[in-house]
Amino acid sequence: MRRAIEHIPFGQTSAAELRGTVTLAFADRHRRRFRLMDDAGVPFLLDLPHAVRLGDGDFLRLAEGGVIVVRAAAEPVMTITCAGPVATARMAWHIGNRHTPMQVLKDGRLRIVHDHVLREMIIGLGGVVDAEIAPFDPERGAYHGLGGNAHEHGHHHGHDHDFFAHADGEDHAQGHSRAHASSHSHAHPQGPASGGQHEH
């Protein structure tokens, strides 16, 4: 079986021969070791040194030569329109404060994966929500590309999304959500240094 052993971020050109494409939803694009099927139906093993958030247009270098291109699959998303740049900045802050991956579109609108709870919050803040089926390619974290010690949120949760870690049949996305929620159950100190209450 072919093995993809290196992640090459979008924009870092490669002269290697194209050996196919693989189209994945957002929840399936944070992996370390996982058996995948390319868009032509040919299997390959993703076998990276550490978990990586794969973005639309990224390359996966194959051990035997050549690359596979990653494509973002169309999926249910919410595209958010705000009244202006200040309202958009405020909305982005509230969404980011909930550690929700977010895409900034070229026209200035925001996009997140469909979430009925966040939809109510966004409407309450004055945003207009359009439910769409579209590719989702969120902003990469400030620590993206700095190696396996940097989590996309800028802090580490103690798991690498390894396929074999979920061999008991637990859904990957559900496992991440539970781990993420538990990691934020700690208390935040109150006082002058903390700037008041911290909201998640």
Protein backbone atom coordinates (compact mmCIF):
# COMPACT_ATOMS: atom_id res chain seq x y z
CA MET A 1 0.00 0.00 0.00
CA ARG A 2 1.17 3.54 -0.74
CA ARG A 3 2.33 5.55 2.30
CA ALA A 4 2.02 9.33 2.65
CA ILE A 5 4.90 10.26 4.96
CA GLU A 6 5.22 14.05 4.72
CA HIS A 7 2.83 17.01 4.84
CA ILE A 8 3.67 19.95 2.57
CA PRO A 9 1.55 23.06 3.31
CA PHE A 10 -0.21 24.94 0.53
CA GLY A 11 2.08 27.45 -1.15
CA GLN A 12 5.22 25.38 -0.72
CA THR A 13 5.52 24.17 -4.28
CA SER A 14 6.65 20.67 -5.09
CA ALA A 15 8.09 19.41 -8.35
CA ALA A 16 6.99 15.87 -7.49
CA GLU A 17 4.62 14.09 -9.84
CA LEU A 18 0.93 14.31 -8.95
CA ARG A 19 -0.36 10.86 -8.01
CA GLY A 20 -3.95 11.77 -7.18
CA THR A 21 -6.24 13.84 -4.98
CA VAL A 22 -8.07 13.07 -1.74
CA THR A 23 -11.23 14.99 -0.76
CA LEU A 24 -11.98 15.12 2.97
CA ALA A 25 -14.46 16.88 5.25
CA PHE A 26 -13.03 19.16 7.94
CA ALA A 27 -13.48 16.60 10.75
CA ASP A 28 -11.37 14.12 8.78
CA ARG A 29 -8.46 16.48 8.10
CA HIS A 30 -6.66 16.36 11.48
CA ARG A 31 -4.85 13.05 11.38
CA ARG A 32 -1.54 11.34 12.00
CA ARG A 33 -2.01 7.72 10.91
CA PHE A 34 -5.10 6.67 9.01
CA ARG A 35 -6.07 4.51 6.05
CA LEU A 36 -7.57 6.72 3.33
CA MET A 37 -8.96 6.30 -0.16
CA ASP A 38 -8.03 8.80 -2.86
CA ASP A 39 -10.65 10.21 -5.23
CA ALA A 40 -9.91 7.48 -7.78
CA GLY A 41 -10.71 4.79 -5.19
CA VAL A 42 -7.08 3.75 -4.60
CA PRO A 43 -6.17 3.25 -0.91
CA PHE A 44 -3.14 4.74 0.82
CA LEU A 45 -1.89 5.00 4.39
CA LEU A 46 -1.45 8.43 5.93
CA ASP A 47 1.63 7.88 8.12
CA LEU A 48 2.91 11.22 9.44
CA PRO A 49 5.32 11.86 12.36
CA HIS A 50 2.63 13.84 14.22
CA ALA A 51 -0.98 14.93 13.73
CA VAL A 52 -1.42 17.72 11.20
CA ARG A 53 -4.38 19.86 10.22
CA LEU A 54 -4.62 19.27 6.47
CA GLY A 55 -5.78 22.29 4.49
CA ASP A 56 -7.27 22.63 1.03
CA GLY A 57 -4.44 22.50 -1.51
CA ASP A 58 -1.87 20.88 0.80
CA PHE A 59 0.37 18.10 -0.51
CA LEU A 60 1.02 14.66 0.97
CA ARG A 61 4.37 13.28 -0.18
CA LEU A 62 4.40 9.54 -0.88
CA ALA A 63 7.27 7.34 0.28
CA GLU A 64 7.55 5.84 -3.22
CA GLY A 65 7.58 9.27 -4.90
CA GLY A 66 5.01 11.76 -6.04
CA VAL A 67 2.34 13.64 -4.09
CA ILE A 68 -1.38 13.51 -3.36
CA VAL A 69 -3.27 16.81 -3.18
CA VAL A 70 -5.75 17.39 -0.34
CA ARG A 71 -9.13 18.92 -1.22
CA ALA A 72 -11.76 20.24 1.21
CA ALA A 73 -15.08 18.45 0.74
CA ALA A 74 -18.36 20.36 0.53
CA GLU A 75 -20.25 20.01 3.83
CA PRO A 76 -22.93 21.81 5.88
CA VAL A 77 -21.60 25.23 6.90
CA MET A 78 -22.91 28.56 8.11
CA THR A 79 -21.78 31.66 6.23
CA ILE A 80 -22.10 34.79 8.36
CA THR A 81 -22.68 38.34 7.17
CA CYS A 82 -22.28 41.28 9.57
CA ALA A 83 -23.24 44.94 9.32
CA GLY A 84 -19.69 46.19 8.77
CA PRO A 85 -16.03 45.69 9.67
CA VAL A 86 -16.48 46.51 13.35
CA ALA A 87 -19.42 44.11 13.67
CA THR A 88 -17.44 41.45 11.78
CA ALA A 89 -14.44 41.87 14.09
CA ARG A 90 -16.72 41.61 17.13
CA MET A 91 -18.39 38.48 15.72
CA ALA A 92 -15.02 36.89 14.96
CA TRP A 93 -13.94 37.54 18.55
CA HIS A 94 -17.02 35.82 19.99
CA ILE A 95 -16.63 32.83 17.68
CA GLY A 96 -12.91 32.55 18.40
CA ASN A 97 -13.57 32.81 22.13
CA ARG A 98 -15.39 29.49 21.81
CA HIS A 99 -12.37 27.88 20.14
CA THR A 100 -14.40 27.28 16.99
CA PRO A 101 -12.44 26.95 13.72
CA MET A 102 -13.44 29.77 11.38
CA GLN A 103 -12.81 30.68 7.77
CA VAL A 104 -12.60 34.29 6.58
CA LEU A 105 -13.89 34.51 3.02
CA LYS A 106 -12.41 36.86 0.42
CA ASP A 107 -15.50 39.07 0.58
CA GLY A 108 -15.09 39.54 4.36
CA ARG A 109 -17.81 37.13 5.46
CA LEU A 110 -17.14 34.44 8.06
CA ARG A 111 -17.76 30.71 7.77
CA ILE A 112 -17.98 27.94 10.37
CA VAL A 113 -19.21 24.34 10.40
CA HIS A 114 -22.95 24.16 11.06
CA ASP A 115 -23.77 24.41 14.77
CA HIS A 116 -27.30 25.24 15.94
CA VAL A 117 -26.11 26.64 19.29
CA LEU A 118 -23.64 29.04 17.66
CA ARG A 119 -26.30 29.96 15.11
CA GLU A 120 -28.50 31.34 17.88
CA MET A 121 -25.56 33.27 19.37
CA ILE A 122 -24.63 34.75 15.98
CA ILE A 123 -28.20 35.86 15.25
CA GLY A 124 -28.40 37.33 18.76
CA LEU A 125 -25.29 39.40 17.99
CA GLY A 126 -26.90 40.78 14.83
CA GLY A 127 -25.33 38.47 12.25
CA VAL A 128 -27.15 37.04 9.24
CA VAL A 129 -26.62 33.30 8.81
CA ASP A 130 -26.85 31.49 5.47
CA ALA A 131 -26.90 27.68 5.68
CA GLU A 132 -24.87 26.32 2.77
CA ILE A 133 -23.13 23.22 1.49
CA ALA A 134 -19.61 24.39 0.71
CA PRO A 135 -15.94 23.52 1.29
CA PHE A 136 -14.67 24.57 4.72
CA ASP A 137 -11.02 25.59 4.99
CA PRO A 138 -10.58 27.51 8.28
CA GLU A 139 -7.80 29.88 9.22
CA ARG A 140 -4.66 28.06 10.24
CA GLY A 141 -3.51 28.72 13.79
CA ALA A 142 -0.69 31.15 14.48
CA TYR A 143 1.46 28.15 15.46
CA HIS A 144 0.74 26.23 12.23
CA GLY A 145 3.89 24.81 10.69
CA LEU A 146 6.00 25.08 13.86
CA GLY A 147 6.06 21.33 14.47
CA GLY A 148 4.22 18.72 16.46
CA ASN A 149 4.47 20.58 19.79
CA ALA A 150 2.11 23.34 18.68
CA HIS A 151 -1.62 22.64 18.68
CA GLU A 152 -3.75 24.56 16.23
CA HIS A 153 -5.46 26.38 19.11
CA GLY A 154 -2.06 27.33 20.53
CA HIS A 155 -2.27 24.82 23.38
CA HIS A 156 -1.86 21.06 23.58
CA HIS A 157 -4.63 18.64 24.52
CA GLY A 158 -2.51 15.53 24.99
CA HIS A 159 -3.80 13.54 21.99
CA ASP A 160 -2.71 13.28 18.37
CA HIS A 161 -5.89 12.05 16.67
CA ASP A 162 -4.24 8.73 15.82
CA PHE A 163 -6.61 6.30 14.08
CA PHE A 164 -5.52 3.46 16.35
CA ALA A 165 -6.33 5.50 19.46
CA HIS A 166 -10.00 5.25 18.40
CA ALA A 167 -9.97 1.53 17.70
CA ASP A 168 -12.81 1.02 20.19
CA GLY A 169 -15.17 2.50 17.60
CA GLU A 170 -15.56 5.96 19.14
CA ASP A 171 -16.31 8.56 16.52
CA HIS A 172 -13.28 10.75 15.86
CA ALA A 173 -15.09 14.08 16.04
CA GLN A 174 -16.99 13.10 19.20
CA GLY A 175 -13.78 12.02 20.88
CA HIS A 176 -12.20 15.35 20.05
CA SER A 177 -15.19 17.29 21.35
CA ARG A 178 -15.17 15.44 24.68
CA ALA A 179 -11.43 15.85 25.08
CA HIS A 180 -11.64 19.52 24.19
CA ALA A 181 -14.50 20.17 26.60
CA SER A 182 -12.72 18.41 29.46
CA SER A 183 -9.56 20.39 28.85
CA HIS A 184 -11.46 23.63 29.51
CA SER A 185 -13.16 22.58 32.73
CA HIS A 186 -10.41 24.23 34.80
CA ALA A 187 -11.16 27.38 36.76
CA HIS A 188 -9.77 30.77 35.75
CA PRO A 189 -8.51 32.93 38.62
CA GLN A 190 -10.33 36.14 39.27
CA GLY A 191 -8.60 39.34 40.12
CA PRO A 192 -6.66 42.21 38.54
CA ALA A 193 -4.26 39.92 36.68
CA SER A 194 -7.01 37.92 35.02
CA GLY A 195 -8.98 40.89 33.75
CA GLY A 196 -12.25 39.56 35.15
CA GLN A 197 -14.27 36.59 34.04
CA HIS A 198 -12.94 34.50 31.16
CA GLU A 199 -15.66 33.26 28.84
CA HIS A 200 -15.62 30.00 26.90
